[in-house]
């Protein structure tokens, strides 16, 4: 907007001083962003000629969060451009890997080659390259998956594919990457093991992904709603989580909390209000969560009390239901009933929680007596 760092401004700077390495490099980047490989290559070569020692820069590749000198990135770009075309030339990229063996760009250099070896090279060439690639990055599931993808395309060697699939599964078990699960499922279908394919890429896997997405969305919503920031986004993501998991009690309650935090009590009550209580009138666990939620919020208290009463009707020997009932009564200033319920909770409770319950009982008594 200010005319800075534009193609026009950089071209003018270059015209004034063709040996200005920064201007030359930034022009190379501009040409690259315009997909003009010939002109970007010309400027990258000028950068290398002007600064062969790589003292100028640095340049930050924001997507990968990598910072390197101008010359190193220029040499990387020159080398990887040579891979494209009908007759790829790997000599420049091999020279780059040899020269910059510790470069932060090394993985990208291999990745550029991987496309050719994954789709165009012979099986023998591919096996040799991927052996090298996976040895360089043995704990990167994306690298392993690149080789597995080639094996699935070739339908061999299946034993090596199984070895890779087992390793990928171990590396991604806590955070599956579905495109990799699909590749693994393809492998097991080739082996005739449909049960294993279904285990890796079947209904249960996808349902778990849906739940995890809903869980992450509701956590996001809670984070921003609690900070009173990004409220529109927090609300939208809570609603998305509910669409993904409409019958999940945890997501429902958490979404109601978000609605309250962003000032939408009407939405909270519509979602998690008296109608919800009636729908779950025989579910003691749902009623307890409902009563505890609204008692804590200090809202919808008559309905919370009704839910708490129902829990002790359903399970009169469950100590924490009596504790919830005591707190619901206390919120409504029904102190005699609150004290009686809390005493019942203490009577039934295990020793591990009696101290906590006694402290709450004393707090209620103090409030009943008008003390702080």
Protein backbone atom coordinates (compact mmCIF):
# COMPACT_ATOMS: atom_id res chain seq x y z
CA UNK A 1 0.00 0.00 0.00
CA UNK A 2 2.90 2.33 0.73
CA UNK A 3 4.78 1.34 -2.39
CA UNK A 4 7.45 -0.45 -0.39
CA UNK A 5 8.79 -3.91 -1.25
CA UNK A 6 6.75 -3.82 -4.46
CA UNK A 7 7.99 -5.10 -7.81
CA UNK A 8 8.14 -1.49 -9.04
CA UNK A 9 10.16 -0.25 -6.05
CA UNK A 10 12.57 -3.20 -6.18
CA UNK A 11 13.05 -2.79 -9.94
CA UNK A 12 13.91 0.87 -9.40
CA UNK A 13 16.41 -0.05 -6.65
CA UNK A 14 18.00 -2.63 -8.95
CA UNK A 15 18.26 -0.09 -11.76
CA UNK A 16 20.08 2.30 -9.44
CA UNK A 17 22.44 -0.37 -8.14
CA UNK A 18 22.51 -3.78 -9.87
CA UNK A 19 24.95 -5.00 -7.20
CA UNK A 20 22.50 -4.48 -4.35
CA UNK A 21 22.18 -8.11 -3.25
CA UNK A 22 19.02 -7.49 -1.26
CA UNK A 23 17.24 -5.89 -4.22
CA UNK A 24 18.37 -8.65 -6.56
CA UNK A 25 17.26 -11.40 -4.19
CA UNK A 26 13.87 -9.81 -3.58
CA UNK A 27 13.36 -9.42 -7.30
CA UNK A 28 14.12 -13.11 -7.69
CA UNK A 29 11.45 -13.85 -5.12
CA UNK A 30 8.96 -11.62 -6.95
CA UNK A 31 9.58 -13.46 -10.23
CA UNK A 32 9.26 -16.78 -8.43
CA UNK A 33 5.92 -15.73 -6.94
CA UNK A 34 4.81 -14.90 -10.49
CA UNK A 35 5.85 -18.42 -11.59
CA UNK A 36 8.36 -17.03 -14.07
CA UNK A 37 11.12 -19.59 -13.55
CA UNK A 38 13.42 -18.19 -16.21
CA UNK A 39 13.56 -14.70 -14.76
CA UNK A 40 13.74 -15.87 -11.15
CA UNK A 41 16.61 -18.21 -12.10
CA UNK A 42 18.46 -15.34 -13.73
CA UNK A 43 18.24 -13.24 -10.57
CA UNK A 44 19.13 -16.12 -8.23
CA UNK A 45 22.29 -16.66 -10.26
CA UNK A 46 23.14 -12.96 -9.89
CA UNK A 47 22.76 -13.30 -6.09
CA UNK A 48 25.25 -16.19 -6.03
CA UNK A 49 27.69 -14.29 -8.23
CA UNK A 50 27.46 -11.12 -6.10
CA UNK A 51 27.67 -12.88 -2.71
CA UNK A 52 29.41 -16.26 -3.13
CA UNK A 53 30.27 -16.42 0.58
CA UNK A 54 26.62 -16.06 1.62
CA UNK A 55 27.12 -13.08 3.91
CA UNK A 56 23.97 -11.15 2.91
CA UNK A 57 20.49 -11.69 4.25
CA UNK A 58 18.92 -13.44 5.89
CA UNK A 59 15.74 -14.57 4.17
CA UNK A 60 12.92 -16.13 6.19
CA UNK A 61 10.75 -18.71 4.49
CA UNK A 62 7.65 -18.06 6.54
CA UNK A 63 5.65 -21.20 5.72
CA UNK A 64 8.42 -23.44 7.04
CA UNK A 65 9.73 -20.90 9.56
CA UNK A 66 13.24 -21.27 8.13
CA UNK A 67 15.83 -18.48 8.03
CA UNK A 68 18.89 -18.77 5.78
CA UNK A 69 21.31 -16.44 3.95
CA UNK A 70 20.21 -15.14 0.56
CA UNK A 71 22.85 -17.13 -1.31
CA UNK A 72 21.93 -20.43 0.32
CA UNK A 73 18.29 -19.99 -0.63
CA UNK A 74 19.29 -18.87 -4.12
CA UNK A 75 21.40 -22.00 -4.62
CA UNK A 76 18.56 -24.14 -3.29
CA UNK A 77 16.15 -22.53 -5.76
CA UNK A 78 18.54 -22.93 -8.68
CA UNK A 79 19.13 -26.59 -7.80
CA UNK A 80 15.48 -27.53 -7.33
CA UNK A 81 14.40 -25.74 -10.53
CA UNK A 82 16.62 -28.16 -12.44
CA UNK A 83 14.44 -31.07 -11.28
CA UNK A 84 11.44 -29.82 -13.25
CA UNK A 85 10.81 -30.42 -16.91
CA UNK A 86 10.78 -33.42 -19.17
CA UNK A 87 14.42 -34.30 -18.38
CA UNK A 88 15.07 -33.63 -14.70
CA UNK A 89 18.68 -32.90 -13.76
CA UNK A 90 19.49 -34.05 -10.23
CA UNK A 91 23.15 -33.07 -10.27
CA UNK A 92 22.54 -29.50 -8.97
CA UNK A 93 20.34 -30.63 -6.07
CA UNK A 94 22.83 -33.37 -5.19
CA UNK A 95 25.57 -30.74 -5.19
CA UNK A 96 23.44 -28.56 -2.91
CA UNK A 97 22.90 -31.45 -0.47
CA UNK A 98 26.64 -32.14 -0.43
CA UNK A 99 27.60 -28.49 0.06
CA UNK A 100 24.91 -27.68 2.64
CA UNK A 101 24.72 -30.97 4.50
CA UNK A 102 23.34 -29.25 7.61
CA UNK A 103 21.03 -26.83 5.78
CA UNK A 104 17.53 -26.22 7.10
CA UNK A 105 16.45 -26.50 3.46
CA UNK A 106 17.76 -30.04 3.08
CA UNK A 107 14.44 -31.71 3.79
CA UNK A 108 12.72 -29.60 1.14
CA UNK A 109 15.44 -30.53 -1.34
CA UNK A 110 14.71 -34.22 -0.75
CA UNK A 111 11.00 -33.52 -0.90
CA UNK A 112 11.31 -31.93 -4.34
CA UNK A 113 13.11 -35.04 -5.58
CA UNK A 114 10.55 -37.32 -3.94
CA UNK A 115 7.84 -36.26 -6.36
CA UNK A 116 9.84 -37.50 -9.34
CA UNK A 117 10.85 -40.74 -7.64
CA UNK A 118 7.31 -41.30 -6.41
CA UNK A 119 5.65 -41.01 -9.81
CA UNK A 120 8.15 -41.10 -12.69
CA UNK A 121 11.27 -43.06 -11.78
CA UNK A 122 11.66 -46.81 -12.26
CA UNK A 123 10.95 -49.10 -9.30
CA UNK A 124 14.66 -49.67 -8.82
CA UNK A 125 15.47 -45.95 -8.88
CA UNK A 126 12.61 -45.23 -6.50
CA UNK A 127 13.70 -47.90 -4.01
CA UNK A 128 17.26 -46.55 -3.96
CA UNK A 129 16.12 -42.96 -3.45
CA UNK A 130 13.51 -43.69 -0.80
CA UNK A 131 15.95 -45.83 1.15
CA UNK A 132 18.22 -42.79 1.36
CA UNK A 133 15.34 -40.39 2.10
CA UNK A 134 13.86 -42.46 4.91
CA UNK A 135 17.26 -43.08 6.46
CA UNK A 136 17.75 -39.30 6.59
CA UNK A 137 14.32 -38.77 8.23
CA UNK A 138 13.35 -42.09 9.85
CA UNK A 139 10.90 -40.55 12.34
CA UNK A 140 8.98 -38.41 9.85
CA UNK A 141 5.74 -40.21 8.92
CA UNK A 142 5.23 -38.03 5.83
CA UNK A 143 8.59 -39.19 4.46
CA UNK A 144 7.75 -42.84 5.16
CA UNK A 145 4.33 -42.37 3.59
CA UNK A 146 5.91 -41.04 0.39
CA UNK A 147 7.65 -44.39 -0.08
CA UNK A 148 4.57 -46.35 0.96
CA UNK A 149 2.53 -44.46 -1.65
CA UNK A 150 4.97 -45.53 -4.36
CA UNK A 151 4.82 -49.14 -3.18
CA UNK A 152 1.02 -49.10 -3.32
CA UNK A 153 1.16 -47.73 -6.87
CA UNK A 154 3.56 -50.49 -7.91
CA UNK A 155 1.74 -53.14 -5.84
CA UNK A 156 5.14 -54.25 -4.56
CA UNK A 157 7.23 -54.90 -2.49
CA UNK A 158 4.43 -55.54 0.01
CA UNK A 159 6.72 -56.72 2.82
CA UNK A 160 8.55 -53.38 2.77
CA UNK A 161 5.20 -51.63 2.60
CA UNK A 162 4.05 -53.46 5.74
CA UNK A 163 7.23 -52.44 7.56
CA UNK A 164 6.60 -48.81 6.63
CA UNK A 165 2.90 -49.00 7.55
CA UNK A 166 3.67 -50.35 11.02
CA UNK A 167 6.17 -47.54 11.62
CA UNK A 168 3.78 -44.86 10.32
CA UNK A 169 0.99 -46.21 12.53
CA UNK A 170 3.22 -46.06 15.59
CA UNK A 171 4.31 -42.50 14.80
CA UNK A 172 0.79 -41.19 14.14
CA UNK A 173 -1.29 -43.25 16.56
CA UNK A 174 -2.04 -40.33 18.89
CA UNK A 175 -2.73 -37.96 15.99
CA UNK A 176 -3.70 -39.89 12.86
CA UNK A 177 -3.18 -38.27 9.46
CA UNK A 178 -6.07 -39.59 7.41
CA UNK A 179 -4.29 -39.43 4.07
CA UNK A 180 -1.66 -41.76 5.56
CA UNK A 181 -4.33 -44.06 7.00
CA UNK A 182 -5.82 -44.28 3.52
CA UNK A 183 -2.48 -45.28 2.03
CA UNK A 184 -2.02 -47.91 4.74
CA UNK A 185 -5.53 -49.24 4.08
CA UNK A 186 -4.69 -49.51 0.38
CA UNK A 187 -1.63 -51.57 1.27
CA UNK A 188 -3.61 -53.99 3.45
CA UNK A 189 -6.24 -54.41 0.72
CA UNK A 190 -3.43 -55.39 -1.65
CA UNK A 191 -2.40 -57.98 0.93
CA UNK A 192 -5.99 -59.21 1.21
CA UNK A 193 -6.33 -58.10 4.82
CA UNK A 194 -9.62 -56.19 4.71
CA UNK A 195 -10.05 -56.35 8.49
CA UNK A 196 -6.76 -54.50 9.02
CA UNK A 197 -7.73 -51.93 6.40
CA UNK A 198 -11.02 -51.33 8.21
CA UNK A 199 -9.24 -51.03 11.55
CA UNK A 200 -6.96 -48.31 10.18
CA UNK A 201 -9.35 -46.43 7.90
CA UNK A 202 -12.84 -47.56 8.84
CA UNK A 203 -15.89 -46.15 10.57
CA UNK A 204 -14.35 -46.05 14.06
CA UNK A 205 -11.32 -44.08 12.85
CA UNK A 206 -13.45 -41.43 11.18
CA UNK A 207 -15.89 -41.17 14.09
CA UNK A 208 -12.96 -40.59 16.41
CA UNK A 209 -11.68 -37.87 14.10
CA UNK A 210 -15.08 -36.18 14.22
CA UNK A 211 -15.10 -36.29 18.01
CA UNK A 212 -11.55 -34.96 18.24
CA UNK A 213 -12.42 -32.09 15.91
CA UNK A 214 -15.46 -31.23 18.05
CA UNK A 215 -13.34 -31.50 21.20
CA UNK A 216 -10.67 -29.17 19.77
CA UNK A 217 -13.29 -26.69 18.58
CA UNK A 218 -14.97 -26.50 21.98
CA UNK A 219 -11.60 -26.05 23.67
CA UNK A 220 -10.88 -23.20 21.26
CA UNK A 221 -14.26 -21.64 22.04
CA UNK A 222 -13.69 -21.88 25.78
CA UNK A 223 -10.22 -20.38 25.48
CA UNK A 224 -11.38 -17.21 23.73
CA UNK A 225 -14.70 -16.86 25.52
CA UNK A 226 -12.89 -16.95 28.87
CA UNK A 227 -10.64 -14.12 27.68
CA UNK A 228 -13.57 -12.10 26.32
CA UNK A 229 -11.88 -12.00 22.91
CA UNK A 230 -12.78 -13.34 19.44
CA UNK A 231 -16.31 -13.87 20.70
CA UNK A 232 -17.92 -14.27 17.27
CA UNK A 233 -15.42 -16.96 16.35
CA UNK A 234 -15.80 -18.68 19.74
CA UNK A 235 -19.57 -18.78 19.25
CA UNK A 236 -19.30 -20.06 15.69
CA UNK A 237 -16.86 -22.83 16.61
CA UNK A 238 -19.02 -23.93 19.56
CA UNK A 239 -21.98 -24.23 17.18
CA UNK A 240 -19.83 -26.21 14.74
CA UNK A 241 -18.79 -28.57 17.54
CA UNK A 242 -22.46 -29.14 18.35
CA UNK A 243 -23.25 -29.95 14.73
CA UNK A 244 -20.46 -32.52 14.73
CA UNK A 245 -21.44 -34.09 18.07
CA UNK A 246 -25.08 -33.17 18.78
CA UNK A 247 -25.62 -35.99 21.28
CA UNK A 248 -22.37 -35.67 23.20
CA UNK A 249 -23.09 -34.59 26.78
CA UNK A 250 -19.65 -33.09 27.34
CA UNK A 251 -19.75 -30.99 24.17
CA UNK A 252 -23.30 -29.86 24.96
CA UNK A 253 -22.42 -28.67 28.47
CA UNK A 254 -19.21 -26.99 27.35
CA UNK A 255 -21.04 -25.20 24.54
CA UNK A 256 -23.61 -23.92 27.02
CA UNK A 257 -20.77 -22.51 29.10
CA UNK A 258 -19.37 -20.75 26.04
CA UNK A 259 -22.79 -19.27 25.23
CA UNK A 260 -23.01 -17.85 28.75
CA UNK A 261 -19.52 -16.37 28.58
CA UNK A 262 -20.28 -14.53 25.35
CA UNK A 263 -23.55 -13.16 26.73
CA UNK A 264 -25.97 -15.54 25.01
CA UNK A 265 -27.89 -16.97 27.96
CA UNK A 266 -30.85 -17.56 25.65
CA UNK A 267 -28.80 -20.00 23.57
CA UNK A 268 -27.44 -21.69 26.67
CA UNK A 269 -30.93 -22.29 28.04
CA UNK A 270 -32.26 -23.45 24.69
CA UNK A 271 -29.44 -25.98 24.46
CA UNK A 272 -28.94 -26.99 28.08
CA UNK A 273 -32.01 -25.77 29.93
CA UNK A 274 -35.23 -27.27 31.30
CA UNK A 275 -36.02 -29.08 28.03
CA UNK A 276 -32.66 -30.86 28.28
CA UNK A 277 -33.42 -31.81 31.87
CA UNK A 278 -36.78 -33.31 30.95
CA UNK A 279 -35.24 -35.23 28.07
CA UNK A 280 -32.76 -36.79 30.53
CA UNK A 281 -35.10 -37.10 33.50
CA UNK A 282 -34.16 -40.76 34.08
CA UNK A 283 -30.42 -40.26 33.56
CA UNK A 284 -28.94 -39.58 37.01
CA UNK A 285 -25.48 -38.72 35.65
CA UNK A 286 -26.85 -36.20 33.14
CA UNK A 287 -29.07 -34.64 35.81
CA UNK A 288 -26.15 -34.32 38.22
CA UNK A 289 -24.01 -32.58 35.60
CA UNK A 290 -26.91 -30.30 34.74
CA UNK A 291 -27.59 -29.36 38.38
CA UNK A 292 -23.90 -28.78 39.12
CA UNK A 293 -23.45 -26.64 36.01
CA UNK A 294 -26.31 -24.27 36.73
CA UNK A 295 -25.63 -24.13 40.47
CA UNK A 296 -22.07 -23.08 39.68
CA UNK A 297 -23.33 -20.48 37.20
CA UNK A 298 -25.90 -19.14 39.67
CA UNK A 299 -28.57 -19.21 36.94
CA UNK A 300 -31.60 -21.37 36.09
CA UNK A 301 -31.55 -22.34 39.76
CA UNK A 302 -35.11 -23.69 40.16
CA UNK A 303 -34.47 -26.14 37.33
CA UNK A 304 -31.07 -27.03 38.80
CA UNK A 305 -32.69 -27.78 42.15
CA UNK A 306 -35.34 -29.96 40.50
CA UNK A 307 -32.61 -31.93 38.72
CA UNK A 308 -30.63 -32.34 41.94
CA UNK A 309 -33.70 -33.59 43.79
CA UNK A 310 -34.33 -36.13 41.05
CA UNK A 311 -30.79 -37.52 41.34
CA UNK A 312 -31.26 -38.47 44.99
CA UNK A 313 -34.64 -39.99 44.17
CA UNK A 314 -32.99 -42.17 41.54
CA UNK A 315 -29.96 -43.08 43.65
CA UNK A 316 -30.45 -42.19 47.32
CA UNK A 317 -27.16 -43.81 48.42
CA UNK A 318 -24.95 -41.80 46.03
CA UNK A 319 -23.13 -39.36 48.30
CA UNK A 320 -22.13 -36.78 45.71
CA UNK A 321 -25.74 -36.48 44.52
CA UNK A 322 -26.59 -35.26 48.05
CA UNK A 323 -23.64 -32.91 47.89
CA UNK A 324 -25.00 -31.48 44.62
CA UNK A 325 -28.44 -31.14 46.18
CA UNK A 326 -26.96 -29.27 49.15
CA UNK A 327 -25.20 -26.81 46.87
CA UNK A 328 -28.34 -26.27 44.77
CA UNK A 329 -30.36 -25.46 47.89
CA UNK A 330 -27.59 -23.14 49.14
CA UNK A 331 -27.65 -21.14 45.90
CA UNK A 332 -31.36 -20.52 46.45
CA UNK A 333 -30.75 -19.59 50.11
CA UNK A 334 -32.69 -22.65 51.30
CA UNK A 335 -30.23 -23.05 54.15
CA UNK A 336 -32.00 -25.64 56.38
CA UNK A 337 -32.48 -27.92 53.36
CA UNK A 338 -28.91 -27.25 52.17
CA UNK A 339 -27.46 -28.17 55.58
CA UNK A 340 -29.55 -31.33 55.82
CA UNK A 341 -28.51 -32.47 52.35
CA UNK A 342 -24.85 -31.74 53.03
CA UNK A 343 -25.00 -33.70 56.29
CA UNK A 344 -26.46 -36.64 54.41
CA UNK A 345 -23.63 -36.37 51.86
CA UNK A 346 -21.05 -36.46 54.66
CA UNK A 347 -22.75 -39.46 56.25
CA UNK A 348 -22.53 -41.44 52.99
CA UNK A 349 -19.19 -40.11 51.72
CA UNK A 350 -15.87 -42.00 51.90
CA UNK A 351 -13.20 -40.61 54.22
CA UNK A 352 -11.24 -39.21 51.27
CA UNK A 353 -13.81 -36.46 50.67
CA UNK A 354 -15.28 -35.90 54.13
CA UNK A 355 -12.92 -33.02 54.92
CA UNK A 356 -13.90 -31.19 51.72
CA UNK A 357 -17.58 -31.77 52.35
CA UNK A 358 -17.29 -30.58 55.98
CA UNK A 359 -15.66 -27.36 54.80
CA UNK A 360 -18.53 -26.76 52.41
CA UNK A 361 -21.03 -27.47 55.18
CA UNK A 362 -19.35 -24.89 57.43
CA UNK A 363 -19.38 -22.38 54.60
CA UNK A 364 -23.13 -22.87 54.15
CA UNK A 365 -23.73 -22.54 57.89
CA UNK A 366 -21.73 -19.34 58.00
CA UNK A 367 -23.71 -17.91 55.11
CA UNK A 368 -26.94 -18.92 56.83
CA UNK A 369 -25.84 -17.02 59.93
CA UNK A 370 -25.02 -13.95 57.85
CA UNK A 371 -21.26 -14.33 58.22
CA UNK A 372 -18.64 -14.03 55.47
